[in-house]
Amino acid sequence: MAAKFQPGDRVRIRVGSPPGHFRTPAYVQGKTGVVEVLHGAFPNPESLAHGGDGLPKQFLYLVRFDQTSVWPHYLTTLQDKLLIDIYEHWLEPA
């Protein structure tokens, strides 16, 4: 199993609200960021939360967003960033 994305790749967070437990904040859904780090593959917490086995494992990425791309009226320097861990099944190429 190979990771779809590597550090430096631009990614878009898919939009969705599946029933049950999901770990991707609504405020980053539909936003574009850059992969900073590939943490590795881990059991899927969305499946584990419902008593599943978490398989297949999902790659987990640290994704960086410019604050102003998440919150357009954010008033501070352009150097401020938001970093969030997001599982691969929530990502698509940007």
Protein backbone atom coordinates (compact mmCIF):
# COMPACT_ATOMS: atom_id res chain seq x y z
CA MET A 1 0.00 0.00 0.00
CA ALA A 2 1.50 3.32 -1.09
CA ALA A 3 0.60 6.81 0.06
CA LYS A 4 -1.20 8.93 -2.55
CA PHE A 5 0.42 12.18 -1.42
CA GLN A 6 3.86 13.38 -0.41
CA PRO A 7 5.12 16.48 1.43
CA GLY A 8 4.72 19.52 -0.80
CA ASP A 9 1.62 18.21 -2.60
CA ARG A 10 -1.38 20.55 -2.77
CA VAL A 11 -4.54 18.82 -1.57
CA ARG A 12 -8.20 19.70 -1.23
CA ILE A 13 -10.25 18.45 1.71
CA ARG A 14 -13.37 16.73 0.46
CA VAL A 15 -16.76 17.92 1.67
CA GLY A 16 -18.95 15.48 3.52
CA SER A 17 -20.87 14.73 6.64
CA PRO A 18 -21.07 10.95 6.91
CA PRO A 19 -23.31 9.52 9.61
CA GLY A 20 -21.57 8.62 12.83
CA HIS A 21 -18.08 9.64 13.86
CA PHE A 22 -15.75 11.55 11.55
CA ARG A 23 -12.60 13.44 12.42
CA THR A 24 -12.33 16.12 9.73
CA PRO A 25 -13.45 19.57 10.90
CA ALA A 26 -16.15 21.22 8.80
CA TYR A 27 -14.20 24.49 8.69
CA VAL A 28 -11.47 22.92 6.50
CA GLN A 29 -13.78 20.94 4.22
CA GLY A 30 -13.52 22.26 0.67
CA LYS A 31 -10.31 24.15 1.50
CA THR A 32 -6.93 23.68 -0.16
CA GLY A 33 -3.72 23.11 1.76
CA VAL A 34 -0.25 21.62 1.41
CA VAL A 35 0.96 18.30 2.82
CA GLU A 36 3.70 19.01 5.36
CA VAL A 37 4.31 15.50 6.75
CA LEU A 38 3.23 11.95 6.02
CA HIS A 39 2.88 10.38 9.48
CA GLY A 40 2.31 6.79 8.27
CA ALA A 41 -0.65 4.39 8.08
CA PHE A 42 -2.97 3.85 11.05
CA PRO A 43 -6.28 2.09 11.74
CA ASN A 44 -9.18 4.24 10.52
CA PRO A 45 -10.60 6.00 13.61
CA GLU A 46 -13.98 6.47 11.89
CA SER A 47 -14.37 2.68 11.77
CA LEU A 48 -12.84 2.08 15.22
CA ALA A 49 -15.35 4.47 16.82
CA HIS A 50 -18.17 2.12 15.79
CA GLY A 51 -16.53 -1.10 16.95
CA GLY A 52 -14.92 -1.88 13.59
CA ASP A 53 -11.39 -3.14 13.08
CA GLY A 54 -10.14 0.10 11.48
CA LEU A 55 -9.10 -1.69 8.32
CA PRO A 56 -7.91 -0.93 5.81
CA LYS A 57 -5.40 1.33 7.49
CA GLN A 58 -5.42 4.94 6.29
CA PHE A 59 -2.43 7.21 5.74
CA LEU A 60 -2.40 10.23 8.05
CA TYR A 61 -1.01 13.57 6.86
CA LEU A 62 -0.20 16.87 8.51
CA VAL A 63 -1.76 19.48 6.19
CA ARG A 64 -0.88 23.18 6.32
CA PHE A 65 -3.40 25.90 5.47
CA ASP A 66 -2.94 29.64 5.20
CA GLN A 67 -5.19 31.17 7.87
CA THR A 68 -6.80 33.48 5.32
CA SER A 69 -7.79 30.55 3.10
CA VAL A 70 -9.73 29.03 5.99
CA TRP A 71 -11.06 32.27 7.47
CA PRO A 72 -11.12 35.01 4.78
CA HIS A 73 -11.56 37.82 7.33
CA TYR A 74 -8.64 36.67 9.50
CA LEU A 75 -6.75 39.81 10.51
CA THR A 76 -3.09 39.15 11.13
CA THR A 77 0.10 38.47 9.23
CA LEU A 78 0.13 36.24 6.16
CA GLN A 79 2.72 34.09 7.96
CA ASP A 80 0.09 32.57 10.29
CA LYS A 81 -0.70 28.95 9.40
CA LEU A 82 -3.14 26.29 10.53
CA LEU A 83 -1.82 22.69 10.79
CA ILE A 84 -4.25 19.75 10.99
CA ASP A 85 -3.80 15.98 10.85
CA ILE A 86 -6.13 14.56 8.17
CA TYR A 87 -6.60 11.01 6.93
CA GLU A 88 -6.06 10.21 3.26
CA HIS A 89 -9.65 9.27 2.44
CA TRP A 90 -10.57 12.93 3.07
CA LEU A 91 -7.99 14.24 0.60
CA GLU A 92 -8.05 14.79 -3.14
CA PRO A 93 -5.48 16.40 -5.45
CA ALA A 94 -5.82 20.17 -5.71
